[in-house]
Structure formats: structure tokens, C-alpha cells
Amino acid sequence: MAEPILPPPGRPVSLPDRVPSEQTAVCRLAHVLIGAACRPLWGPQAEGVEHLPPTGRVILAFNHRHWMDTLVVPLIVQKVRYPRFLGKEELFRNPALGWLMRQLGIIPLNRRRGDVAALRQATAVLEEEGCLALYPEGTRSRTGAPGRAKPGVAFLAQQTGAPVVPGRLFETDRFPEPVTMRLKFGPALRYSGDGGKESCQAFADKVLETILSL
């Protein structure tokens, strides 16, 4: 039997009891304000939105080039789905920012170790037929060159049966230049491996390769 891909236990930043299943009032207000600020200058545009299922569990997987990515994605997809992101836990250490990120349904993730609690929260989002957004590389590229995909995307797909919809972000790394930021989606991928380390890593690599080919 293949060895399951389970991260070692850790002590992450404290998590809420559950990720909100619907947009909170704070979340809706934040999206309105962010949209009002972003659209005139960067006018985010999307291609391939038909690949997003309007209902049911789904994982959205993106390349990560700038912190703006996490703002651009909800602006583009929120009319179809409300995505919850996995975000680095360092951002949650600021009390005000941490509170806002929790209101937005962002799940703190320790990137230096396997984070059981965060993966359980992410799994719960999908088991409630929600939409989870993540970056397979785990962190943004500061050089433009892609990093190595981490197996977490495969673990979540294997545990929940959720399809993975790849999406590639363009021009977000040019912020704050007034350029049109774009997001292109491709057809969903499904994990069909045995849950082992090699299988999960191979699927994660395939997801990232697909993203970069869009």
C-alpha cells in the first residue's frame, strides 16, 4: 500500500472554529472597496471562466507572482464562486490584518512545515461543497521563474475528490503600473493516483505545468 501524504503535526496560528460558508458583511464591503480601487487602473479580465463550476467542491490553483494575486482572483471569480484562500500565517500575526483575513475566509498556513490544522480547514471547505483557492508553489516567485510545486494540492484533491481548475495570472507582478491584469483558466484536472508521495508530487507537478502552459 502506498504511504499516504500526511504532513507532520505542528502548532499553527490559531484557527477559527470553521471558515465562513458565506461572504460576511465585512467581506462584501472589502470586495466593494477593493474593486473600486482596482478596476479603474488595472481592470482585471478573465478568459475561460466557463471552466469554473458554479456549484460543488472545487480547487482553484494559480501561479503566484505578487501579493496582488489574492486580491485580483476574488474580483474576477466572485460572481461565479466565492473562493477561500490558503494564506501564509505570518500575515495573521498583525492583529488587525489577521482579523480581516479571517473575515475574508483566508486560512493561515505555515509554509515551513506541514500544517495539519490548516489542511483540515481546507478539507472542510471542500467537504461543504465550497471553493478553495491556493498556489501550488506555496509562495510567490520573486524572480518570475516558477518554483517547485508542493503536494498539498494533490492531497486535498485525493482526500475530497474535488477537481482542480488551473488558472494563470498575468501582469500582476507589474503592480502598481496601470496595466490590464489578466487571469486565464483551463479545463479541470482530476487526481487518480494512489495517495502516495510520488503520486501526489507527480500530480502537483502536472497542475503547475498546466498552469504555466495556459
N, C-alpha and C. Protein backbone atom coordinates (compact mmCIF):
# COMPACT_ATOMS: atom_id res chain seq x y z
N MET A 1 0.85 -1.20 0.00
CA MET A 1 0.00 0.00 0.00
C MET A 1 0.88 1.24 0.00
N ALA A 2 0.52 2.22 -0.78
CA ALA A 2 1.31 3.44 -0.86
C ALA A 2 1.24 4.20 0.45
N GLU A 3 2.34 4.87 0.79
CA GLU A 3 2.38 5.67 2.02
C GLU A 3 1.58 6.95 1.81
N PRO A 4 0.59 7.24 2.66
CA PRO A 4 -0.22 8.44 2.47
C PRO A 4 0.60 9.69 2.70
N ILE A 5 0.25 10.75 1.99
CA ILE A 5 0.95 12.02 2.12
C ILE A 5 0.31 12.81 3.25
N LEU A 6 0.80 12.64 4.46
CA LEU A 6 0.26 13.36 5.60
C LEU A 6 1.35 14.22 6.20
N PRO A 7 1.11 15.53 6.41
CA PRO A 7 2.12 16.40 6.97
C PRO A 7 2.30 16.12 8.45
N PRO A 8 3.51 16.37 9.01
CA PRO A 8 3.71 16.17 10.43
C PRO A 8 2.91 17.18 11.23
N PRO A 9 2.52 16.82 12.47
CA PRO A 9 1.73 17.75 13.27
C PRO A 9 2.53 18.98 13.62
N GLY A 10 1.88 20.11 13.77
CA GLY A 10 2.53 21.35 14.13
C GLY A 10 1.62 22.19 14.99
N ARG A 11 2.08 23.35 15.33
CA ARG A 11 1.30 24.26 16.16
C ARG A 11 1.10 25.55 15.39
N PRO A 12 0.10 25.64 14.52
CA PRO A 12 -0.10 26.81 13.67
C PRO A 12 -0.73 27.96 14.42
N VAL A 13 -0.79 29.10 13.75
CA VAL A 13 -1.57 30.22 14.26
C VAL A 13 -2.98 29.73 14.51
N SER A 14 -3.60 30.21 15.60
CA SER A 14 -4.93 29.72 15.95
C SER A 14 -5.92 29.94 14.81
N LEU A 15 -6.76 28.95 14.58
CA LEU A 15 -7.74 28.97 13.51
C LEU A 15 -9.13 29.18 14.08
N PRO A 16 -10.02 29.79 13.32
CA PRO A 16 -11.40 29.87 13.76
C PRO A 16 -12.02 28.48 13.77
N ASP A 17 -13.17 28.34 14.44
CA ASP A 17 -13.83 27.04 14.51
C ASP A 17 -14.15 26.52 13.11
N ARG A 18 -14.51 27.40 12.21
CA ARG A 18 -14.81 27.00 10.84
C ARG A 18 -14.65 28.21 9.94
N VAL A 19 -14.38 27.96 8.69
CA VAL A 19 -14.29 29.03 7.71
C VAL A 19 -15.71 29.42 7.31
N PRO A 20 -16.03 30.74 7.24
CA PRO A 20 -17.39 31.14 6.89
C PRO A 20 -17.84 30.52 5.58
N SER A 21 -19.05 29.99 5.55
CA SER A 21 -19.56 29.36 4.32
C SER A 21 -20.13 30.39 3.36
N GLU A 22 -20.42 31.57 3.84
CA GLU A 22 -20.93 32.64 3.00
C GLU A 22 -20.10 33.89 3.24
N GLN A 23 -20.19 34.83 2.31
CA GLN A 23 -19.49 36.09 2.50
C GLN A 23 -20.07 36.84 3.69
N THR A 24 -19.19 37.30 4.57
CA THR A 24 -19.63 38.13 5.68
C THR A 24 -19.85 39.55 5.18
N ALA A 25 -20.49 40.38 6.01
CA ALA A 25 -20.70 41.78 5.65
C ALA A 25 -19.35 42.48 5.44
N VAL A 26 -18.39 42.16 6.31
CA VAL A 26 -17.05 42.75 6.17
C VAL A 26 -16.42 42.33 4.84
N CYS A 27 -16.60 41.07 4.49
CA CYS A 27 -16.05 40.56 3.23
C CYS A 27 -16.67 41.27 2.03
N ARG A 28 -17.98 41.41 2.04
CA ARG A 28 -18.65 42.09 0.92
C ARG A 28 -18.18 43.53 0.79
N LEU A 29 -18.07 44.22 1.94
CA LEU A 29 -17.61 45.61 1.92
C LEU A 29 -16.17 45.70 1.40
N ALA A 30 -15.33 44.77 1.86
CA ALA A 30 -13.93 44.77 1.41
C ALA A 30 -13.85 44.57 -0.09
N HIS A 31 -14.65 43.66 -0.63
CA HIS A 31 -14.63 43.41 -2.08
C HIS A 31 -15.09 44.64 -2.86
N VAL A 32 -16.09 45.34 -2.34
CA VAL A 32 -16.57 46.56 -3.00
C VAL A 32 -15.47 47.61 -3.03
N LEU A 33 -14.80 47.80 -1.89
CA LEU A 33 -13.75 48.83 -1.81
C LEU A 33 -12.54 48.45 -2.67
N ILE A 34 -12.15 47.19 -2.61
CA ILE A 34 -11.01 46.74 -3.42
C ILE A 34 -11.32 46.86 -4.90
N GLY A 35 -12.55 46.48 -5.28
CA GLY A 35 -12.95 46.59 -6.68
C GLY A 35 -12.95 48.02 -7.17
N ALA A 36 -13.45 48.93 -6.33
CA ALA A 36 -13.49 50.34 -6.70
C ALA A 36 -12.09 50.90 -6.89
N ALA A 37 -11.13 50.40 -6.10
CA ALA A 37 -9.76 50.89 -6.21
C ALA A 37 -9.01 50.25 -7.39
N CYS A 38 -9.29 48.98 -7.66
CA CYS A 38 -8.50 48.24 -8.66
C CYS A 38 -9.00 48.38 -10.09
N ARG A 39 -10.30 48.35 -10.29
CA ARG A 39 -10.83 48.27 -11.66
C ARG A 39 -10.43 49.45 -12.54
N PRO A 40 -10.47 50.71 -12.04
CA PRO A 40 -10.11 51.81 -12.94
C PRO A 40 -8.67 51.74 -13.45
N LEU A 41 -7.75 51.24 -12.63
CA LEU A 41 -6.34 51.23 -13.01
C LEU A 41 -5.90 49.93 -13.66
N TRP A 42 -6.42 48.80 -13.19
CA TRP A 42 -5.91 47.52 -13.65
C TRP A 42 -6.96 46.66 -14.35
N GLY A 43 -8.23 47.03 -14.25
CA GLY A 43 -9.32 46.36 -14.96
C GLY A 43 -9.16 44.88 -15.16
N PRO A 44 -9.09 44.08 -14.09
CA PRO A 44 -8.85 42.65 -14.26
C PRO A 44 -9.81 41.99 -15.25
N GLN A 45 -9.24 41.19 -16.15
CA GLN A 45 -10.04 40.49 -17.15
C GLN A 45 -9.81 38.99 -17.05
N ALA A 46 -10.81 38.22 -17.47
CA ALA A 46 -10.70 36.76 -17.36
C ALA A 46 -11.02 36.09 -18.68
N GLU A 47 -10.40 34.93 -18.87
CA GLU A 47 -10.66 34.07 -20.03
C GLU A 47 -10.84 32.65 -19.52
N GLY A 48 -11.79 31.95 -20.08
CA GLY A 48 -12.00 30.56 -19.68
C GLY A 48 -12.82 30.38 -18.42
N VAL A 49 -13.61 31.41 -18.07
CA VAL A 49 -14.42 31.32 -16.85
C VAL A 49 -15.43 30.18 -16.93
N GLU A 50 -15.73 29.73 -18.14
CA GLU A 50 -16.67 28.61 -18.29
C GLU A 50 -16.14 27.32 -17.66
N HIS A 51 -14.85 27.29 -17.35
CA HIS A 51 -14.29 26.10 -16.70
C HIS A 51 -14.58 26.07 -15.20
N LEU A 52 -15.11 27.17 -14.64
CA LEU A 52 -15.43 27.21 -13.22
C LEU A 52 -16.82 26.62 -12.99
N PRO A 53 -16.93 25.56 -12.21
CA PRO A 53 -18.26 25.02 -11.92
C PRO A 53 -19.01 25.96 -10.98
N PRO A 54 -20.26 26.29 -11.26
CA PRO A 54 -21.00 27.23 -10.41
C PRO A 54 -21.38 26.65 -9.06
N THR A 55 -21.37 25.34 -8.93
CA THR A 55 -21.69 24.69 -7.66
C THR A 55 -20.76 23.50 -7.45
N GLY A 56 -20.73 23.03 -6.22
CA GLY A 56 -19.93 21.85 -5.90
C GLY A 56 -18.50 22.19 -5.52
N ARG A 57 -17.86 21.23 -4.90
CA ARG A 57 -16.49 21.43 -4.43
C ARG A 57 -15.52 21.58 -5.60
N VAL A 58 -14.58 22.51 -5.44
CA VAL A 58 -13.59 22.75 -6.49
C VAL A 58 -12.38 23.43 -5.88
N ILE A 59 -11.21 23.08 -6.41
CA ILE A 59 -9.96 23.73 -6.03
C ILE A 59 -9.50 24.58 -7.20
N LEU A 60 -9.23 25.85 -6.95
CA LEU A 60 -8.65 26.74 -7.96
C LEU A 60 -7.16 26.86 -7.66
N ALA A 61 -6.32 26.58 -8.64
CA ALA A 61 -4.87 26.59 -8.45
C ALA A 61 -4.24 27.61 -9.39
N PHE A 62 -3.40 28.49 -8.83
CA PHE A 62 -2.82 29.60 -9.59
C PHE A 62 -1.31 29.68 -9.42
N ASN A 63 -0.65 30.29 -10.42
CA ASN A 63 0.72 30.73 -10.23
C ASN A 63 0.69 31.93 -9.29
N HIS A 64 1.83 32.23 -8.69
CA HIS A 64 1.84 33.29 -7.67
C HIS A 64 3.03 34.21 -7.93
N ARG A 65 2.73 35.44 -8.39
CA ARG A 65 3.79 36.37 -8.77
C ARG A 65 3.83 37.63 -7.90
N HIS A 66 2.73 37.94 -7.23
CA HIS A 66 2.66 39.19 -6.46
C HIS A 66 1.56 39.07 -5.42
N TRP A 67 1.68 39.87 -4.34
CA TRP A 67 0.62 39.82 -3.33
C TRP A 67 -0.73 40.29 -3.89
N MET A 68 -0.72 41.01 -5.01
CA MET A 68 -1.97 41.44 -5.64
C MET A 68 -2.80 40.25 -6.14
N ASP A 69 -2.15 39.11 -6.35
CA ASP A 69 -2.87 37.95 -6.87
C ASP A 69 -4.10 37.61 -6.03
N THR A 70 -3.94 37.67 -4.73
CA THR A 70 -5.03 37.28 -3.83
C THR A 70 -6.17 38.29 -3.85
N LEU A 71 -5.92 39.50 -4.34
CA LEU A 71 -6.99 40.49 -4.50
C LEU A 71 -7.64 40.36 -5.87
N VAL A 72 -6.84 40.08 -6.88
CA VAL A 72 -7.36 40.02 -8.25
C VAL A 72 -8.29 38.82 -8.45
N VAL A 73 -7.91 37.68 -7.91
CA VAL A 73 -8.71 36.46 -8.13
C VAL A 73 -10.16 36.62 -7.66
N PRO A 74 -10.41 37.06 -6.41
CA PRO A 74 -11.81 37.22 -5.99
C PRO A 74 -12.58 38.23 -6.83
N LEU A 75 -11.91 39.30 -7.28
CA LEU A 75 -12.59 40.29 -8.12
C LEU A 75 -13.12 39.66 -9.39
N ILE A 76 -12.37 38.70 -9.93
CA ILE A 76 -12.74 38.08 -11.19
C ILE A 76 -13.77 36.96 -11.01
N VAL A 77 -13.61 36.15 -9.98
CA VAL A 77 -14.43 34.93 -9.89
C VAL A 77 -15.60 35.03 -8.92
N GLN A 78 -15.69 36.10 -8.12
CA GLN A 78 -16.70 36.11 -7.06
C GLN A 78 -18.14 36.06 -7.58
N LYS A 79 -18.37 36.47 -8.84
CA LYS A 79 -19.73 36.37 -9.37
C LYS A 79 -20.10 34.93 -9.70
N VAL A 80 -19.08 34.08 -9.87
CA VAL A 80 -19.33 32.66 -10.13
C VAL A 80 -19.19 31.86 -8.84
N ARG A 81 -18.08 32.08 -8.12
CA ARG A 81 -17.81 31.38 -6.87
C ARG A 81 -17.14 32.33 -5.89
N TYR A 82 -17.30 32.03 -4.61
CA TYR A 82 -16.62 32.80 -3.57
C TYR A 82 -15.44 31.96 -3.07
N PRO A 83 -14.21 32.29 -3.48
CA PRO A 83 -13.08 31.44 -3.11
C PRO A 83 -12.53 31.74 -1.72
N ARG A 84 -12.13 30.70 -1.02
CA ARG A 84 -11.37 30.84 0.22
C ARG A 84 -9.92 30.50 -0.10
N PHE A 85 -9.01 31.32 0.35
CA PHE A 85 -7.60 31.13 0.08
C PHE A 85 -6.88 30.50 1.26
N LEU A 86 -5.82 29.79 0.95
CA LEU A 86 -4.80 29.46 1.93
C LEU A 86 -3.78 30.59 1.89
N GLY A 87 -3.45 31.18 3.05
CA GLY A 87 -2.52 32.30 3.09
C GLY A 87 -1.44 32.08 4.14
N LYS A 88 -0.26 32.64 3.92
CA LYS A 88 0.85 32.42 4.85
C LYS A 88 0.50 32.98 6.23
N GLU A 89 0.83 32.22 7.25
CA GLU A 89 0.42 32.58 8.61
C GLU A 89 1.10 33.83 9.14
N GLU A 90 2.25 34.22 8.54
CA GLU A 90 2.93 35.42 9.01
C GLU A 90 2.02 36.64 8.94
N LEU A 91 1.15 36.69 7.94
CA LEU A 91 0.25 37.83 7.77
C LEU A 91 -0.76 37.92 8.90
N PHE A 92 -1.03 36.81 9.56
CA PHE A 92 -2.03 36.79 10.62
C PHE A 92 -1.48 37.28 11.95
N ARG A 93 -0.18 37.50 12.03
CA ARG A 93 0.41 37.92 13.30
C ARG A 93 0.11 39.38 13.61
N ASN A 94 -0.24 40.14 12.59
CA ASN A 94 -0.74 41.50 12.82
C ASN A 94 -2.21 41.38 13.21
N PRO A 95 -2.58 41.82 14.42
CA PRO A 95 -3.96 41.59 14.90
C PRO A 95 -5.03 42.13 13.97
N ALA A 96 -4.86 43.35 13.46
CA ALA A 96 -5.89 43.95 12.60
C ALA A 96 -5.97 43.21 11.27
N LEU A 97 -4.81 42.97 10.66
CA LEU A 97 -4.79 42.27 9.37
C LEU A 97 -5.27 40.83 9.53
N GLY A 98 -4.85 40.20 10.63
CA GLY A 98 -5.29 38.83 10.87
C GLY A 98 -6.79 38.73 11.02
N TRP A 99 -7.39 39.70 11.72
CA TRP A 99 -8.85 39.70 11.88
C TRP A 99 -9.53 39.85 10.52
N LEU A 100 -9.04 40.78 9.69
CA LEU A 100 -9.64 41.00 8.38
C LEU A 100 -9.51 39.75 7.51
N MET A 101 -8.35 39.11 7.55
CA MET A 101 -8.15 37.93 6.72
C MET A 101 -9.06 36.79 7.15
N ARG A 102 -9.31 36.68 8.43
CA ARG A 102 -10.26 35.66 8.89
C ARG A 102 -11.66 35.98 8.42
N GLN A 103 -12.03 37.28 8.43
CA GLN A 103 -13.34 37.67 7.93
C GLN A 103 -13.50 37.32 6.45
N LEU A 104 -12.39 37.38 5.72
CA LEU A 104 -12.41 37.06 4.30
C LEU A 104 -12.36 35.55 4.05
N GLY A 105 -12.27 34.78 5.14
CA GLY A 105 -12.26 33.33 4.98
C GLY A 105 -10.92 32.76 4.59
N ILE A 106 -9.83 33.54 4.78
CA ILE A 106 -8.50 33.06 4.44
C ILE A 106 -7.98 32.18 5.58
N ILE A 107 -7.38 31.06 5.23
CA ILE A 107 -6.92 30.07 6.19
C ILE A 107 -5.41 30.21 6.37
N PRO A 108 -4.91 30.46 7.60
CA PRO A 108 -3.47 30.59 7.80
C PRO A 108 -2.74 29.27 7.63
N LEU A 109 -1.66 29.31 6.88
CA LEU A 109 -0.89 28.10 6.58
C LEU A 109 0.58 28.34 6.89
N ASN A 110 1.18 27.47 7.68
CA ASN A 110 2.61 27.52 7.94
C ASN A 110 3.32 26.85 6.77
N ARG A 111 4.08 27.63 6.02
CA ARG A 111 4.69 27.11 4.80
C ARG A 111 5.97 26.33 5.06
N ARG A 112 6.52 26.44 6.27
CA ARG A 112 7.80 25.80 6.57
C ARG A 112 7.64 24.38 7.10
N ARG A 113 6.42 24.03 7.44
CA ARG A 113 6.18 22.67 7.91
C ARG A 113 4.80 22.24 7.44
N GLY A 114 4.56 20.96 7.44
CA GLY A 114 3.21 20.50 7.14
C GLY A 114 2.26 21.01 8.21
N ASP A 115 1.12 21.50 7.83
CA ASP A 115 0.19 22.14 8.76
C ASP A 115 -1.13 21.37 8.75
N VAL A 116 -1.25 20.45 9.70
CA VAL A 116 -2.42 19.58 9.75
C VAL A 116 -3.70 20.38 9.94
N ALA A 117 -3.67 21.36 10.86
CA ALA A 117 -4.89 22.12 11.16
C ALA A 117 -5.38 22.89 9.94
N ALA A 118 -4.45 23.51 9.19
CA ALA A 118 -4.84 24.27 8.01
C ALA A 118 -5.42 23.35 6.94
N LEU A 119 -4.80 22.19 6.76
CA LEU A 119 -5.31 21.25 5.75
C LEU A 119 -6.68 20.70 6.15
N ARG A 120 -6.91 20.55 7.45
CA ARG A 120 -8.23 20.12 7.89
C ARG A 120 -9.28 21.18 7.59
N GLN A 121 -8.92 22.46 7.80
CA GLN A 121 -9.83 23.56 7.49
C GLN A 121 -10.11 23.59 5.99
N ALA A 122 -9.06 23.44 5.20
CA ALA A 122 -9.23 23.45 3.74
C ALA A 122 -10.10 22.28 3.29
N THR A 123 -9.88 21.12 3.89
CA THR A 123 -10.70 19.95 3.56
C THR A 123 -12.16 20.20 3.91
N ALA A 124 -12.39 20.86 5.06
CA ALA A 124 -13.77 21.14 5.48
C ALA A 124 -14.47 22.06 4.49
N VAL A 125 -13.75 23.05 3.96
CA VAL A 125 -14.34 23.94 2.95
C VAL A 125 -14.83 23.12 1.76
N LEU A 126 -14.00 22.20 1.30
CA LEU A 126 -14.36 21.39 0.13
C LEU A 126 -15.47 20.40 0.45
N GLU A 127 -15.44 19.82 1.64
CA GLU A 127 -16.49 18.87 2.00
C GLU A 127 -17.85 19.54 2.15
N GLU A 128 -17.84 20.87 2.37
CA GLU A 128 -19.09 21.63 2.41
C GLU A 128 -19.45 22.16 1.02
N GLU A 129 -18.82 21.57 -0.01
CA GLU A 129 -19.07 21.92 -1.42
C GLU A 129 -18.63 23.34 -1.74
N GLY A 130 -17.56 23.78 -1.07
CA GLY A 130 -17.05 25.13 -1.28
C GLY A 130 -15.96 25.19 -2.33
N CYS A 131 -15.45 26.40 -2.51
CA CYS A 131 -14.41 26.71 -3.50
C CYS A 131 -13.15 27.13 -2.75
N LEU A 132 -12.07 26.40 -2.93
CA LEU A 132 -10.81 26.68 -2.26
C LEU A 132 -9.79 27.14 -3.29
N ALA A 133 -9.09 28.23 -3.01
CA ALA A 133 -8.06 28.74 -3.91
C ALA A 133 -6.69 28.61 -3.25
N LEU A 134 -5.71 28.22 -4.03
CA LEU A 134 -4.37 28.05 -3.48
C LEU A 134 -3.32 28.24 -4.57
N TYR A 135 -2.07 28.32 -4.12
CA TYR A 135 -0.92 28.43 -5.02
C TYR A 135 -0.07 27.17 -4.84
N PRO A 136 0.00 26.29 -5.84
CA PRO A 136 0.75 25.04 -5.67
C PRO A 136 2.20 25.23 -5.25
N GLU A 137 2.81 26.36 -5.65
CA GLU A 137 4.20 26.60 -5.27
C GLU A 137 4.34 26.94 -3.79
N GLY A 138 3.25 27.36 -3.16
CA GLY A 138 3.28 27.66 -1.73
C GLY A 138 3.74 29.06 -1.40
N THR A 139 4.41 29.73 -2.32
CA THR A 139 4.86 31.10 -2.10
C THR A 139 5.04 31.76 -3.45
N ARG A 140 5.17 33.08 -3.45
CA ARG A 140 5.27 33.75 -4.74
C ARG A 140 6.71 33.78 -5.24
N SER A 141 6.83 33.81 -6.55
CA SER A 141 8.13 33.89 -7.18
C SER A 141 8.58 35.35 -7.24
N ARG A 142 9.77 35.62 -6.74
CA ARG A 142 10.30 36.99 -6.76
C ARG A 142 11.15 37.25 -8.00
N THR A 143 11.42 36.19 -8.77
CA THR A 143 12.25 36.33 -9.96
C THR A 143 11.46 36.12 -11.25
N GLY A 144 10.23 35.62 -11.12
CA GLY A 144 9.44 35.29 -12.30
C GLY A 144 9.57 33.84 -12.70
N ALA A 145 10.62 33.16 -12.22
CA ALA A 145 10.81 31.74 -12.51
C ALA A 145 9.93 30.91 -11.58
N PRO A 146 9.26 29.89 -12.10
CA PRO A 146 8.40 29.07 -11.25
C PRO A 146 9.19 28.28 -10.23
N GLY A 147 8.59 28.06 -9.05
CA GLY A 147 9.21 27.22 -8.03
C GLY A 147 8.73 25.78 -8.18
N ARG A 148 9.08 24.95 -7.21
CA ARG A 148 8.64 23.54 -7.21
C ARG A 148 7.25 23.47 -6.59
N ALA A 149 6.36 22.74 -7.24
CA ALA A 149 5.02 22.54 -6.69
C ALA A 149 5.10 21.70 -5.42
N LYS A 150 4.26 22.03 -4.46
CA LYS A 150 4.16 21.25 -3.23
C LYS A 150 2.97 20.30 -3.36
N PRO A 151 3.02 19.15 -2.67
CA PRO A 151 2.00 18.12 -2.88
C PRO A 151 0.65 18.40 -2.23
N GLY A 152 0.52 19.52 -1.52
CA GLY A 152 -0.74 19.80 -0.82
C GLY A 152 -1.95 19.81 -1.73
N VAL A 153 -1.81 20.33 -2.94
CA VAL A 153 -2.95 20.38 -3.87
C VAL A 153 -3.43 18.97 -4.20
N ALA A 154 -2.48 18.04 -4.34
CA ALA A 154 -2.85 16.65 -4.63
C ALA A 154 -3.49 16.00 -3.42
N PHE A 155 -2.95 16.28 -2.23
CA PHE A 155 -3.53 15.72 -1.01
C PHE A 155 -4.99 16.12 -0.87
N LEU A 156 -5.29 17.41 -1.09
CA LEU A 156 -6.66 17.88 -0.96
C LEU A 156 -7.57 17.29 -2.03
N ALA A 157 -7.05 17.19 -3.26
CA ALA A 157 -7.85 16.60 -4.34
C ALA A 157 -8.13 15.13 -4.06
N GLN A 158 -7.12 14.42 -3.52
CA GLN A 158 -7.29 13.00 -3.25
C GLN A 158 -8.25 12.77 -2.08
N GLN A 159 -8.16 13.61 -1.06
CA GLN A 159 -8.99 13.43 0.12
C GLN A 159 -10.46 13.77 -0.13
N THR A 160 -10.71 14.73 -1.01
CA THR A 160 -12.07 15.24 -1.18
C THR A 160 -12.70 14.89 -2.52
N GLY A 161 -11.90 14.45 -3.48
CA GLY A 161 -12.43 14.19 -4.81
C GLY A 161 -12.72 15.45 -5.61
N ALA A 162 -12.25 16.60 -5.13
CA ALA A 162 -12.52 17.86 -5.81
C ALA A 162 -11.69 17.98 -7.09
N PRO A 163 -12.27 18.47 -8.17
CA PRO A 163 -11.48 18.76 -9.37
C PRO A 163 -10.60 19.98 -9.12
N VAL A 164 -9.51 20.05 -9.84
CA VAL A 164 -8.58 21.18 -9.73
C VAL A 164 -8.64 21.98 -11.03
N VAL A 165 -9.09 23.22 -10.95
CA VAL A 165 -9.16 24.10 -12.11
C VAL A 165 -7.92 24.98 -12.12
N PRO A 166 -7.04 24.84 -13.13
CA PRO A 166 -5.83 25.66 -13.19
C PRO A 166 -6.13 27.06 -13.72
N GLY A 167 -5.43 28.03 -13.19
CA GLY A 167 -5.58 29.40 -13.66
C GLY A 167 -4.23 30.11 -13.67
N ARG A 168 -3.97 30.86 -14.73
CA ARG A 168 -2.70 31.58 -14.81
C ARG A 168 -2.95 33.08 -14.75
N LEU A 169 -2.22 33.72 -13.85
CA LEU A 169 -2.30 35.18 -13.68
C LEU A 169 -1.21 35.85 -14.50
N PHE A 170 -1.58 36.95 -15.16
CA PHE A 170 -0.65 37.73 -15.97
C PHE A 170 -0.63 39.17 -15.48
N GLU A 171 0.54 39.76 -15.49
CA GLU A 171 0.76 41.20 -15.26
C GLU A 171 0.59 41.65 -13.82
N THR A 172 0.21 40.78 -12.90
CA THR A 172 0.06 41.25 -11.51
C THR A 172 1.40 41.67 -10.92
N ASP A 173 2.50 41.11 -11.42
CA ASP A 173 3.81 41.47 -10.91
C ASP A 173 4.24 42.87 -11.35
N ARG A 174 3.49 43.50 -12.23
CA ARG A 174 3.82 44.86 -12.68
C ARG A 174 3.15 45.93 -11.83
N PHE A 175 2.37 45.51 -10.84
CA PHE A 175 1.77 46.47 -9.91
C PHE A 175 2.88 47.34 -9.31
N PRO A 176 2.69 48.67 -9.20
CA PRO A 176 1.45 49.45 -9.40
C PRO A 176 1.31 50.09 -10.79
N GLU A 177 2.02 49.59 -11.80
CA GLU A 177 1.84 50.15 -13.15
C GLU A 177 0.38 49.98 -13.61
N PRO A 178 -0.16 50.94 -14.34
CA PRO A 178 -1.55 50.84 -14.81
C PRO A 178 -1.66 49.93 -16.03
N VAL A 179 -1.59 48.62 -15.80
CA VAL A 179 -1.71 47.64 -16.87
C VAL A 179 -2.93 46.77 -16.61
N THR A 180 -3.45 46.15 -17.67
CA THR A 180 -4.60 45.26 -17.51
C THR A 180 -4.12 43.91 -16.98
N MET A 181 -4.59 43.56 -15.80
CA MET A 181 -4.25 42.27 -15.22
C MET A 181 -5.20 41.22 -15.76
N ARG A 182 -4.66 40.04 -16.08
CA ARG A 182 -5.48 39.00 -16.71
C ARG A 182 -5.39 37.68 -15.95
N LEU A 183 -6.43 36.91 -16.08
CA LEU A 183 -6.48 35.57 -15.50
C LEU A 183 -7.09 34.63 -16.52
N LYS A 184 -6.36 33.55 -16.83
CA LYS A 184 -6.83 32.58 -17.82
C LYS A 184 -7.00 31.22 -17.16
N PHE A 185 -8.21 30.66 -17.27
CA PHE A 185 -8.50 29.34 -16.71
C PHE A 185 -8.41 28.26 -17.78
N GLY A 186 -8.08 27.06 -17.35
CA GLY A 186 -8.08 25.91 -18.23
C GLY A 186 -9.01 24.83 -17.72
N PRO A 187 -9.17 23.75 -18.48
CA PRO A 187 -10.05 22.65 -18.06
C PRO A 187 -9.59 22.02 -16.75
N ALA A 188 -10.54 21.49 -16.00
CA ALA A 188 -10.25 20.89 -14.71
C ALA A 188 -9.40 19.63 -14.84
N LEU A 189 -8.58 19.41 -13.83
CA LEU A 189 -7.78 18.19 -13.71
C LEU A 189 -8.31 17.38 -12.53
N ARG A 190 -8.21 16.07 -12.62
CA ARG A 190 -8.66 15.21 -11.52
C ARG A 190 -7.53 14.27 -11.10
N TYR A 191 -7.40 14.15 -9.80
CA TYR A 191 -6.38 13.25 -9.25
C TYR A 191 -6.89 11.81 -9.30
N SER A 192 -6.07 10.90 -9.81
CA SER A 192 -6.48 9.50 -9.91
C SER A 192 -5.39 8.56 -9.42
N GLY A 193 -4.48 9.10 -8.60
CA GLY A 193 -3.37 8.28 -8.11
C GLY A 193 -3.72 7.48 -6.88
N ASP A 194 -2.68 6.92 -6.24
CA ASP A 194 -2.87 6.03 -5.09
C ASP A 194 -2.71 6.73 -3.75
N GLY A 195 -2.48 8.04 -3.75
CA GLY A 195 -2.33 8.77 -2.50
C GLY A 195 -0.94 8.76 -1.93
N GLY A 196 0.00 8.11 -2.61
CA GLY A 196 1.38 8.06 -2.14
C GLY A 196 2.15 9.33 -2.45
N LYS A 197 3.34 9.43 -1.86
CA LYS A 197 4.15 10.65 -2.02
C LYS A 197 4.49 10.92 -3.48
N GLU A 198 4.95 9.88 -4.18
CA GLU A 198 5.35 10.07 -5.58
C GLU A 198 4.16 10.46 -6.45
N SER A 199 3.04 9.80 -6.21
CA SER A 199 1.84 10.09 -7.00
C SER A 199 1.36 11.51 -6.74
N CYS A 200 1.36 11.93 -5.47
CA CYS A 200 0.90 13.28 -5.14
C CYS A 200 1.83 14.34 -5.72
N GLN A 201 3.15 14.08 -5.64
CA GLN A 201 4.09 15.05 -6.19
C GLN A 201 3.95 15.14 -7.71
N ALA A 202 3.74 14.00 -8.36
CA ALA A 202 3.57 14.00 -9.82
C ALA A 202 2.34 14.79 -10.23
N PHE A 203 1.26 14.64 -9.46
CA PHE A 203 0.04 15.38 -9.80
C PHE A 203 0.25 16.87 -9.56
N ALA A 204 0.90 17.23 -8.44
CA ALA A 204 1.17 18.64 -8.16
C ALA A 204 2.02 19.26 -9.27
N ASP A 205 3.02 18.51 -9.73
CA ASP A 205 3.87 18.99 -10.84
C ASP A 205 3.03 19.19 -12.10
N LYS A 206 2.12 18.26 -12.35
CA LYS A 206 1.25 18.37 -13.53
C LYS A 206 0.36 19.60 -13.45
N VAL A 207 -0.18 19.87 -12.26
CA VAL A 207 -1.03 21.05 -12.07
C VAL A 207 -0.24 22.31 -12.39
N LEU A 208 0.97 22.42 -11.84
CA LEU A 208 1.77 23.62 -12.07
C LEU A 208 2.17 23.73 -13.54
N GLU A 209 2.55 22.63 -14.16
CA GLU A 209 2.90 22.66 -15.59
C GLU A 209 1.72 23.12 -16.44
N THR A 210 0.53 22.65 -16.07
CA THR A 210 -0.67 23.05 -16.82
C THR A 210 -0.92 24.54 -16.66
N ILE A 211 -0.78 25.04 -15.43
CA ILE A 211 -0.96 26.47 -15.19
C ILE A 211 -0.03 27.28 -16.08
N LEU A 212 1.24 26.90 -16.10
CA LEU A 212 2.24 27.67 -16.83
C LEU A 212 2.11 27.53 -18.34
N SER A 213 1.33 26.55 -18.79
CA SER A 213 1.12 26.36 -20.23
C SER A 213 -0.07 27.16 -20.76
N LEU A 214 -0.86 27.75 -19.86
CA LEU A 214 -2.06 28.47 -20.29
C LEU A 214 -1.71 29.78 -20.98
